[in-house]
Amino acid sequence: MYIDKSFERENLSQKLEEITSAIGDAVEFCQGDTIALLSLLRRLEILHREICEGEFQRSLPDNRHALYALLREIESEGGWPYIERMRLQDLLSNLETE
């Protein structure tokens, strides 16, 4: 059975846009509420970890050709996804300015 990859990518692109919009709505809903925004960031970090440690690791290439294709895609599309944690020092510097 042939699966049209361009159709799948369009569906993925649409789903990602919906997710991005939903996250934007959540940010807007939480506007000004530091605790709620922190909760949202924590949930995003958990989802990131679950995807990385779960399905993503299971889908990693098992041959050189596929590995090369993955590395080429990472190089051309902006690198490895990473969710950075705010350093405590950065948080404290915000307090010092007040």
PDB file of N, CA and C in Angstrom:
ATOM      1  N   MET A   1       0.836  -1.189   0.000  1.00  0.00           N
ATOM      2  CA  MET A   1       0.000   0.000   0.000  1.00  0.00           C
ATOM      3  C   MET A   1       0.877   1.248   0.000  1.00  0.00           C
ATOM      4  N   TYR A   2       0.657   2.140  -0.966  1.00  0.00           N
ATOM      5  CA  TYR A   2       1.430   3.367  -1.103  1.00  0.00           C
ATOM      6  C   TYR A   2       0.812   4.471  -0.240  1.00  0.00           C
ATOM      7  N   ILE A   3       1.665   5.126   0.539  1.00  0.00           N
ATOM      8  CA  ILE A   3       1.219   6.247   1.375  1.00  0.00           C
ATOM      9  C   ILE A   3       1.891   7.507   0.850  1.00  0.00           C
ATOM     10  N   ASP A   4       1.093   8.484   0.462  1.00  0.00           N
ATOM     11  CA  ASP A   4       1.614   9.732  -0.083  1.00  0.00           C
ATOM     12  C   ASP A   4       2.243  10.555   1.043  1.00  0.00           C
ATOM     13  N   LYS A   5       3.584  10.648   1.019  1.00  0.00           N
ATOM     14  CA  LYS A   5       4.306  11.363   2.080  1.00  0.00           C
ATOM     15  C   LYS A   5       3.976  12.857   2.090  1.00  0.00           C
ATOM     16  N   SER A   6       3.730  13.460   0.915  1.00  0.00           N
ATOM     17  CA  SER A   6       3.406  14.888   0.897  1.00  0.00           C
ATOM     18  C   SER A   6       2.067  15.143   1.579  1.00  0.00           C
ATOM     19  N   PHE A   7       1.126  14.231   1.414  1.00  0.00           N
ATOM     20  CA  PHE A   7      -0.169  14.353   2.099  1.00  0.00           C
ATOM     21  C   PHE A   7       0.020  14.234   3.607  1.00  0.00           C
ATOM     22  N   GLU A   8       0.850  13.264   4.026  1.00  0.00           N
ATOM     23  CA  GLU A   8       1.121  13.101   5.457  1.00  0.00           C
ATOM     24  C   GLU A   8       1.784  14.342   6.027  1.00  0.00           C
ATOM     25  N   ARG A   9       2.725  14.923   5.289  1.00  0.00           N
ATOM     26  CA  ARG A   9       3.410  16.126   5.771  1.00  0.00           C
ATOM     27  C   ARG A   9       2.452  17.309   5.853  1.00  0.00           C
ATOM     28  N   GLU A  10       1.526  17.418   4.903  1.00  0.00           N
ATOM     29  CA  GLU A  10       0.509  18.481   4.981  1.00  0.00           C
ATOM     30  C   GLU A  10      -0.359  18.299   6.216  1.00  0.00           C
ATOM     31  N   ASN A  11      -0.766  17.062   6.491  1.00  0.00           N
ATOM     32  CA  ASN A  11      -1.566  16.787   7.690  1.00  0.00           C
ATOM     33  C   ASN A  11      -0.780  17.128   8.947  1.00  0.00           C
ATOM     34  N   LEU A  12       0.507  16.749   8.988  1.00  0.00           N
ATOM     35  CA  LEU A  12       1.349  17.068  10.140  1.00  0.00           C
ATOM     36  C   LEU A  12       1.487  18.577  10.288  1.00  0.00           C
ATOM     37  N   SER A  13       1.728  19.259   9.183  1.00  0.00           N
ATOM     38  CA  SER A  13       1.870  20.711   9.222  1.00  0.00           C
ATOM     39  C   SER A  13       0.604  21.360   9.771  1.00  0.00           C
ATOM     40  N   GLN A  14      -0.552  20.879   9.347  1.00  0.00           N
ATOM     41  CA  GLN A  14      -1.828  21.411   9.836  1.00  0.00           C
ATOM     42  C   GLN A  14      -1.990  21.136  11.332  1.00  0.00           C
ATOM     43  N   LYS A  15      -1.662  19.920  11.767  1.00  0.00           N
ATOM     44  CA  LYS A  15      -1.762  19.584  13.194  1.00  0.00           C
ATOM     45  C   LYS A  15      -0.814  20.457  14.018  1.00  0.00           C
ATOM     46  N   LEU A  16       0.403  20.674  13.518  1.00  0.00           N
ATOM     47  CA  LEU A  16       1.367  21.508  14.244  1.00  0.00           C
ATOM     48  C   LEU A  16       0.875  22.949  14.350  1.00  0.00           C
ATOM     49  N   GLU A  17       0.239  23.456  13.296  1.00  0.00           N
ATOM     50  CA  GLU A  17      -0.338  24.798  13.349  1.00  0.00           C
ATOM     51  C   GLU A  17      -1.449  24.879  14.397  1.00  0.00           C
ATOM     52  N   GLU A  18      -2.276  23.827  14.465  1.00  0.00           N
ATOM     53  CA  GLU A  18      -3.343  23.792  15.470  1.00  0.00           C
ATOM     54  C   GLU A  18      -2.762  23.766  16.878  1.00  0.00           C
ATOM     55  N   ILE A  19      -1.707  22.978  17.073  1.00  0.00           N
ATOM     56  CA  ILE A  19      -1.054  22.895  18.385  1.00  0.00           C
ATOM     57  C   ILE A  19      -0.450  24.242  18.749  1.00  0.00           C
ATOM     58  N   THR A  20       0.235  24.859  17.787  1.00  0.00           N
ATOM     59  CA  THR A  20       0.847  26.167  18.024  1.00  0.00           C
ATOM     60  C   THR A  20      -0.206  27.200  18.394  1.00  0.00           C
ATOM     61  N   SER A  21      -1.324  27.166  17.708  1.00  0.00           N
ATOM     62  CA  SER A  21      -2.417  28.090  18.006  1.00  0.00           C
ATOM     63  C   SER A  21      -2.979  27.839  19.403  1.00  0.00           C
ATOM     64  N   ALA A  22      -3.154  26.562  19.763  1.00  0.00           N
ATOM     65  CA  ALA A  22      -3.678  26.227  21.091  1.00  0.00           C
ATOM     66  C   ALA A  22      -2.713  26.681  22.185  1.00  0.00           C
ATOM     67  N   ILE A  23      -1.427  26.520  21.953  1.00  0.00           N
ATOM     68  CA  ILE A  23      -0.440  26.975  22.945  1.00  0.00           C
ATOM     69  C   ILE A  23      -0.474  28.496  23.044  1.00  0.00           C
ATOM     70  N   GLY A  24      -0.583  29.167  21.898  1.00  0.00           N
ATOM     71  CA  GLY A  24      -0.702  30.631  21.904  1.00  0.00           C
ATOM     72  C   GLY A  24      -1.924  31.088  22.686  1.00  0.00           C
ATOM     73  N   ASP A  25      -3.043  30.384  22.512  1.00  0.00           N
ATOM     74  CA  ASP A  25      -4.257  30.706  23.270  1.00  0.00           C
ATOM     75  C   ASP A  25      -4.027  30.511  24.764  1.00  0.00           C
ATOM     76  N   ALA A  26      -3.319  29.430  25.127  1.00  0.00           N
ATOM     77  CA  ALA A  26      -3.036  29.162  26.541  1.00  0.00           C
ATOM     78  C   ALA A  26      -2.143  30.255  27.122  1.00  0.00           C
ATOM     79  N   VAL A  27      -1.148  30.690  26.357  1.00  0.00           N
ATOM     80  CA  VAL A  27      -0.269  31.779  26.820  1.00  0.00           C
ATOM     81  C   VAL A  27      -1.089  33.044  27.041  1.00  0.00           C
ATOM     82  N   GLU A  28      -1.951  33.347  26.098  1.00  0.00           N
ATOM     83  CA  GLU A  28      -2.799  34.537  26.232  1.00  0.00           C
ATOM     84  C   GLU A  28      -3.707  34.425  27.460  1.00  0.00           C
ATOM     85  N   PHE A  29      -4.265  33.256  27.691  1.00  0.00           N
ATOM     86  CA  PHE A  29      -5.131  33.014  28.845  1.00  0.00           C
ATOM     87  C   PHE A  29      -4.368  33.223  30.154  1.00  0.00           C
ATOM     88  N   CYS A  30      -3.090  32.839  30.154  1.00  0.00           N
ATOM     89  CA  CYS A  30      -2.258  32.915  31.365  1.00  0.00           C
ATOM     90  C   CYS A  30      -1.556  34.267  31.521  1.00  0.00           C
ATOM     91  N   GLN A  31      -1.757  35.151  30.598  1.00  0.00           N
ATOM     92  CA  GLN A  31      -1.025  36.416  30.581  1.00  0.00           C
ATOM     93  C   GLN A  31      -1.030  37.094  31.949  1.00  0.00           C
ATOM     94  N   GLY A  32       0.167  37.405  32.423  1.00  0.00           N
ATOM     95  CA  GLY A  32       0.313  38.078  33.704  1.00  0.00           C
ATOM     96  C   GLY A  32       0.303  37.154  34.910  1.00  0.00           C
ATOM     97  N   ASP A  33      -0.005  35.885  34.721  1.00  0.00           N
ATOM     98  CA  ASP A  33      -0.052  34.910  35.817  1.00  0.00           C
ATOM     99  C   ASP A  33       1.194  34.027  35.741  1.00  0.00           C
ATOM    100  N   THR A  34       2.204  34.415  36.476  1.00  0.00           N
ATOM    101  CA  THR A  34       3.495  33.732  36.426  1.00  0.00           C
ATOM    102  C   THR A  34       3.379  32.249  36.761  1.00  0.00           C
ATOM    103  N   ILE A  35       2.584  31.912  37.758  1.00  0.00           N
ATOM    104  CA  ILE A  35       2.425  30.508  38.165  1.00  0.00           C
ATOM    105  C   ILE A  35       1.779  29.686  37.044  1.00  0.00           C
ATOM    106  N   ALA A  36       0.763  30.250  36.414  1.00  0.00           N
ATOM    107  CA  ALA A  36       0.105  29.546  35.311  1.00  0.00           C
ATOM    108  C   ALA A  36       1.055  29.378  34.132  1.00  0.00           C
ATOM    109  N   LEU A  37       1.828  30.418  33.813  1.00  0.00           N
ATOM    110  CA  LEU A  37       2.799  30.317  32.723  1.00  0.00           C
ATOM    111  C   LEU A  37       3.884  29.290  33.044  1.00  0.00           C
ATOM    112  N   LEU A  38       4.313  29.253  34.301  1.00  0.00           N
ATOM    113  CA  LEU A  38       5.296  28.256  34.723  1.00  0.00           C
ATOM    114  C   LEU A  38       4.728  26.848  34.564  1.00  0.00           C
ATOM    115  N   SER A  39       3.476  26.682  34.904  1.00  0.00           N
ATOM    116  CA  SER A  39       2.806  25.393  34.745  1.00  0.00           C
ATOM    117  C   SER A  39       2.767  24.985  33.266  1.00  0.00           C
ATOM    118  N   LEU A  40       2.459  25.932  32.408  1.00  0.00           N
ATOM    119  CA  LEU A  40       2.440  25.672  30.968  1.00  0.00           C
ATOM    120  C   LEU A  40       3.829  25.265  30.477  1.00  0.00           C
ATOM    121  N   LEU A  41       4.854  25.987  30.898  1.00  0.00           N
ATOM    122  CA  LEU A  41       6.229  25.651  30.511  1.00  0.00           C
ATOM    123  C   LEU A  41       6.631  24.263  31.007  1.00  0.00           C
ATOM    124  N   ARG A  42       6.226  23.938  32.223  1.00  0.00           N
ATOM    125  CA  ARG A  42       6.539  22.603  32.755  1.00  0.00           C
ATOM    126  C   ARG A  42       5.876  21.512  31.921  1.00  0.00           C
ATOM    127  N   ARG A  43       4.629  21.745  31.537  1.00  0.00           N
ATOM    128  CA  ARG A  43       3.917  20.744  30.734  1.00  0.00           C
ATOM    129  C   ARG A  43       4.570  20.572  29.364  1.00  0.00           C
ATOM    130  N   LEU A  44       4.982  21.684  28.768  1.00  0.00           N
ATOM    131  CA  LEU A  44       5.681  21.612  27.477  1.00  0.00           C
ATOM    132  C   LEU A  44       6.996  20.850  27.605  1.00  0.00           C
ATOM    133  N   GLU A  45       7.697  21.074  28.707  1.00  0.00           N
ATOM    134  CA  GLU A  45       8.957  20.353  28.943  1.00  0.00           C
ATOM    135  C   GLU A  45       8.698  18.855  29.102  1.00  0.00           C
ATOM    136  N   ILE A  46       7.647  18.508  29.828  1.00  0.00           N
ATOM    137  CA  ILE A  46       7.297  17.090  30.010  1.00  0.00           C
ATOM    138  C   ILE A  46       6.970  16.452  28.663  1.00  0.00           C
ATOM    139  N   LEU A  47       6.180  17.137  27.844  1.00  0.00           N
ATOM    140  CA  LEU A  47       5.837  16.610  26.529  1.00  0.00           C
ATOM    141  C   LEU A  47       7.087  16.440  25.659  1.00  0.00           C
ATOM    142  N   HIS A  48       7.972  17.422  25.716  1.00  0.00           N
ATOM    143  CA  HIS A  48       9.229  17.356  24.971  1.00  0.00           C
ATOM    144  C   HIS A  48      10.019  16.115  25.377  1.00  0.00           C
ATOM    145  N   ARG A  49      10.150  15.906  26.677  1.00  0.00           N
ATOM    146  CA  ARG A  49      10.898  14.751  27.189  1.00  0.00           C
ATOM    147  C   ARG A  49      10.236  13.438  26.784  1.00  0.00           C
ATOM    148  N   GLU A  50       8.906  13.374  26.907  1.00  0.00           N
ATOM    149  CA  GLU A  50       8.185  12.149  26.541  1.00  0.00           C
ATOM    150  C   GLU A  50       8.382  11.803  25.066  1.00  0.00           C
ATOM    151  N   ILE A  51       8.317  12.813  24.212  1.00  0.00           N
ATOM    152  CA  ILE A  51       8.503  12.569  22.781  1.00  0.00           C
ATOM    153  C   ILE A  51       9.937  12.122  22.510  1.00  0.00           C
ATOM    154  N   CYS A  52      10.916  12.840  23.089  1.00  0.00           N
ATOM    155  CA  CYS A  52      12.332  12.506  22.857  1.00  0.00           C
ATOM    156  C   CYS A  52      12.681  11.110  23.350  1.00  0.00           C
ATOM    157  N   GLU A  53      12.252  10.794  24.558  1.00  0.00           N
ATOM    158  CA  GLU A  53      12.641   9.519  25.167  1.00  0.00           C
ATOM    159  C   GLU A  53      11.767   8.364  24.689  1.00  0.00           C
ATOM    160  N   GLY A  54      10.678   8.663  24.053  1.00  0.00           N
ATOM    161  CA  GLY A  54       9.761   7.625  23.600  1.00  0.00           C
ATOM    162  C   GLY A  54       9.866   7.384  22.113  1.00  0.00           C
ATOM    163  N   GLU A  55       8.872   7.891  21.418  1.00  0.00           N
ATOM    164  CA  GLU A  55       8.740   7.610  19.983  1.00  0.00           C
ATOM    165  C   GLU A  55       9.932   8.088  19.158  1.00  0.00           C
ATOM    166  N   PHE A  56      10.501   9.244  19.506  1.00  0.00           N
ATOM    167  CA  PHE A  56      11.635   9.752  18.728  1.00  0.00           C
ATOM    168  C   PHE A  56      12.817   8.792  18.795  1.00  0.00           C
ATOM    169  N   GLN A  57      13.175   8.334  19.992  1.00  0.00           N
ATOM    170  CA  GLN A  57      14.300   7.405  20.117  1.00  0.00           C
ATOM    171  C   GLN A  57      14.023   6.091  19.394  1.00  0.00           C
ATOM    172  N   ARG A  58      12.776   5.630  19.443  1.00  0.00           N
ATOM    173  CA  ARG A  58      12.419   4.397  18.740  1.00  0.00           C
ATOM    174  C   ARG A  58      12.496   4.559  17.229  1.00  0.00           C
ATOM    175  N   SER A  59      12.363   5.797  16.741  1.00  0.00           N
ATOM    176  CA  SER A  59      12.350   6.032  15.302  1.00  0.00           C
ATOM    177  C   SER A  59      13.717   6.403  14.732  1.00  0.00           C
ATOM    178  N   LEU A  60      14.746   6.465  15.584  1.00  0.00           N
ATOM    179  CA  LEU A  60      16.067   6.855  15.098  1.00  0.00           C
ATOM    180  C   LEU A  60      16.572   5.875  14.047  1.00  0.00           C
ATOM    181  N   PRO A  61      17.366   6.370  13.110  1.00  0.00           N
ATOM    182  CA  PRO A  61      17.845   5.543  12.004  1.00  0.00           C
ATOM    183  C   PRO A  61      18.659   4.339  12.474  1.00  0.00           C
ATOM    184  N   ASP A  62      18.570   3.288  11.674  1.00  0.00           N
ATOM    185  CA  ASP A  62      19.350   2.088  11.980  1.00  0.00           C
ATOM    186  C   ASP A  62      20.327   1.743  10.857  1.00  0.00           C
ATOM    187  N   ASN A  63      20.535   2.711   9.928  1.00  0.00           N
ATOM    188  CA  ASN A  63      21.547   2.515   8.891  1.00  0.00           C
ATOM    189  C   ASN A  63      22.178   3.864   8.544  1.00  0.00           C
ATOM    190  N   ARG A  64      23.314   3.821   7.888  1.00  0.00           N
ATOM    191  CA  ARG A  64      24.067   5.045   7.598  1.00  0.00           C
ATOM    192  C   ARG A  64      23.317   6.002   6.675  1.00  0.00           C
ATOM    193  N   HIS A  65      22.627   5.477   5.692  1.00  0.00           N
ATOM    194  CA  HIS A  65      21.901   6.328   4.752  1.00  0.00           C
ATOM    195  C   HIS A  65      20.812   7.130   5.479  1.00  0.00           C
ATOM    196  N   ALA A  66      20.048   6.468   6.309  1.00  0.00           N
ATOM    197  CA  ALA A  66      18.984   7.143   7.058  1.00  0.00           C
ATOM    198  C   ALA A  66      19.569   8.122   8.075  1.00  0.00           C
ATOM    199  N   LEU A  67      20.683   7.760   8.688  1.00  0.00           N
ATOM    200  CA  LEU A  67      21.336   8.662   9.635  1.00  0.00           C
ATOM    201  C   LEU A  67      21.816   9.923   8.916  1.00  0.00           C
ATOM    202  N   TYR A  68      22.414   9.747   7.752  1.00  0.00           N
ATOM    203  CA  TYR A  68      22.865  10.895   6.971  1.00  0.00           C
ATOM    204  C   TYR A  68      21.688  11.810   6.624  1.00  0.00           C
ATOM    205  N   ALA A  69      20.579  11.229   6.195  1.00  0.00           N
ATOM    206  CA  ALA A  69      19.391  12.019   5.852  1.00  0.00           C
ATOM    207  C   ALA A  69      18.880  12.802   7.062  1.00  0.00           C
ATOM    208  N   LEU A  70      18.875  12.157   8.229  1.00  0.00           N
ATOM    209  CA  LEU A  70      18.435  12.840   9.453  1.00  0.00           C
ATOM    210  C   LEU A  70      19.371  13.986   9.799  1.00  0.00           C
ATOM    211  N   LEU A  71      20.664  13.732   9.752  1.00  0.00           N
ATOM    212  CA  LEU A  71      21.640  14.782  10.084  1.00  0.00           C
ATOM    213  C   LEU A  71      21.561  15.942   9.085  1.00  0.00           C
ATOM    214  N   ARG A  72      21.348  15.629   7.823  1.00  0.00           N
ATOM    215  CA  ARG A  72      21.207  16.672   6.812  1.00  0.00           C
ATOM    216  C   ARG A  72      19.955  17.511   7.089  1.00  0.00           C
ATOM    217  N   GLU A  73      18.864  16.872   7.484  1.00  0.00           N
ATOM    218  CA  GLU A  73      17.639  17.599   7.808  1.00  0.00           C
ATOM    219  C   GLU A  73      17.841  18.481   9.032  1.00  0.00           C
ATOM    220  N   ILE A  74      18.504  17.963  10.052  1.00  0.00           N
ATOM    221  CA  ILE A  74      18.785  18.752  11.261  1.00  0.00           C
ATOM    222  C   ILE A  74      19.628  19.968  10.892  1.00  0.00           C
ATOM    223  N   GLU A  75      20.635  19.763  10.065  1.00  0.00           N
ATOM    224  CA  GLU A  75      21.528  20.854   9.646  1.00  0.00           C
ATOM    225  C   GLU A  75      20.771  21.924   8.849  1.00  0.00           C
ATOM    226  N   SER A  76      19.913  21.510   7.948  1.00  0.00           N
ATOM    227  CA  SER A  76      19.257  22.473   7.061  1.00  0.00           C
ATOM    228  C   SER A  76      18.054  23.158   7.706  1.00  0.00           C
ATOM    229  N   GLU A  77      17.434  22.536   8.685  1.00  0.00           N
ATOM    230  CA  GLU A  77      16.199  23.079   9.245  1.00  0.00           C
ATOM    231  C   GLU A  77      16.348  23.702  10.627  1.00  0.00           C
ATOM    232  N   GLY A  78      17.552  23.882  11.117  1.00  0.00           N
ATOM    233  CA  GLY A  78      17.695  24.657  12.333  1.00  0.00           C
ATOM    234  C   GLY A  78      18.137  23.923  13.575  1.00  0.00           C
ATOM    235  N   GLY A  79      18.729  22.781  13.441  1.00  0.00           N
ATOM    236  CA  GLY A  79      19.339  22.158  14.591  1.00  0.00           C
ATOM    237  C   GLY A  79      18.418  21.292  15.422  1.00  0.00           C
ATOM    238  N   TRP A  80      18.917  20.959  16.578  1.00  0.00           N
ATOM    239  CA  TRP A  80      18.266  20.029  17.492  1.00  0.00           C
ATOM    240  C   TRP A  80      17.289  20.777  18.381  1.00  0.00           C
ATOM    241  N   PRO A  81      16.068  20.276  18.566  1.00  0.00           N
ATOM    242  CA  PRO A  81      15.124  20.965  19.460  1.00  0.00           C
ATOM    243  C   PRO A  81      15.583  20.888  20.917  1.00  0.00           C
ATOM    244  N   TYR A  82      15.459  21.986  21.599  1.00  0.00           N
ATOM    245  CA  TYR A  82      15.924  22.044  22.985  1.00  0.00           C
ATOM    246  C   TYR A  82      15.050  23.013  23.749  1.00  0.00           C
ATOM    247  N   ILE A  83      14.642  22.620  24.926  1.00  0.00           N
ATOM    248  CA  ILE A  83      13.887  23.520  25.792  1.00  0.00           C
ATOM    249  C   ILE A  83      14.827  23.931  26.925  1.00  0.00           C
ATOM    250  N   GLU A  84      15.183  25.203  26.907  1.00  0.00           N
ATOM    251  CA  GLU A  84      16.139  25.708  27.886  1.00  0.00           C
ATOM    252  C   GLU A  84      15.424  26.103  29.167  1.00  0.00           C
ATOM    253  N   ARG A  85      16.040  25.762  30.278  1.00  0.00           N
ATOM    254  CA  ARG A  85      15.508  26.198  31.575  1.00  0.00           C
ATOM    255  C   ARG A  85      16.147  27.532  31.937  1.00  0.00           C
ATOM    256  N   MET A  86      15.336  28.387  32.525  1.00  0.00           N
ATOM    257  CA  MET A  86      15.868  29.663  32.976  1.00  0.00           C
ATOM    258  C   MET A  86      16.817  29.404  34.143  1.00  0.00           C
ATOM    259  N   ARG A  87      17.950  30.043  34.093  1.00  0.00           N
ATOM    260  CA  ARG A  87      18.897  29.889  35.195  1.00  0.00           C
ATOM    261  C   ARG A  87      18.429  30.732  36.372  1.00  0.00           C
ATOM    262  N   LEU A  88      18.686  30.223  37.562  1.00  0.00           N
ATOM    263  CA  LEU A  88      18.284  30.929  38.778  1.00  0.00           C
ATOM    264  C   LEU A  88      18.906  32.323  38.813  1.00  0.00           C
ATOM    265  N   GLN A  89      20.127  32.436  38.326  1.00  0.00           N
ATOM    266  CA  GLN A  89      20.809  33.728  38.313  1.00  0.00           C
ATOM    267  C   GLN A  89      20.037  34.741  37.454  1.00  0.00           C
ATOM    268  N   ASP A  90      19.483  34.301  36.322  1.00  0.00           N
ATOM    269  CA  ASP A  90      18.690  35.190  35.466  1.00  0.00           C
ATOM    270  C   ASP A  90      17.420  35.648  36.193  1.00  0.00           C
ATOM    271  N   LEU A  91      16.803  34.730  36.904  1.00  0.00           N
ATOM    272  CA  LEU A  91      15.604  35.055  37.670  1.00  0.00           C
ATOM    273  C   LEU A  91      15.937  36.097  38.741  1.00  0.00           C
ATOM    274  N   LEU A  92      17.033  35.883  39.436  1.00  0.00           N
ATOM    275  CA  LEU A  92      17.426  36.810  40.491  1.00  0.00           C
ATOM    276  C   LEU A  92      17.801  38.180  39.927  1.00  0.00           C
ATOM    277  N   SER A  93      18.365  38.229  38.719  1.00  0.00           N
ATOM    278  CA  SER A  93      18.718  39.521  38.139  1.00  0.00           C
ATOM    279  C   SER A  93      17.465  40.352  37.874  1.00  0.00           C
ATOM    280  N   ASN A  94      16.345  39.694  37.601  1.00  0.00           N
ATOM    281  CA  ASN A  94      15.086  40.445  37.438  1.00  0.00           C
ATOM    282  C   ASN A  94      14.661  41.089  38.750  1.00  0.00           C
ATOM    283  N   LEU A  95      14.922  40.410  39.859  1.00  0.00           N
ATOM    284  CA  LEU A  95      14.574  40.955  41.163  1.00  0.00           C
ATOM    285  C   LEU A  95      15.472  42.137  41.527  1.00  0.00           C
ATOM    286  N   GLU A  96      16.740  42.074  41.135  1.00  0.00           N
ATOM    287  CA  GLU A  96      17.687  43.133  41.477  1.00  0.00           C
ATOM    288  C   GLU A  96      17.323  44.442  40.808  1.00  0.00           C
ATOM    289  N   THR A  97      16.726  44.392  39.617  1.00  0.00           N
ATOM    290  CA  THR A  97      16.385  45.624  38.914  1.00  0.00           C
ATOM    291  C   THR A  97      15.212  46.339  39.570  1.00  0.00           C
ATOM    292  N   GLU A  98      14.425  45.643  40.352  1.00  0.00           N
ATOM    293  CA  GLU A  98      13.307  46.275  41.038  1.00  0.00           C
ATOM    294  C   GLU A  98      13.820  46.896  42.277  1.00  0.00           C
TER     295      GLU A  98
END
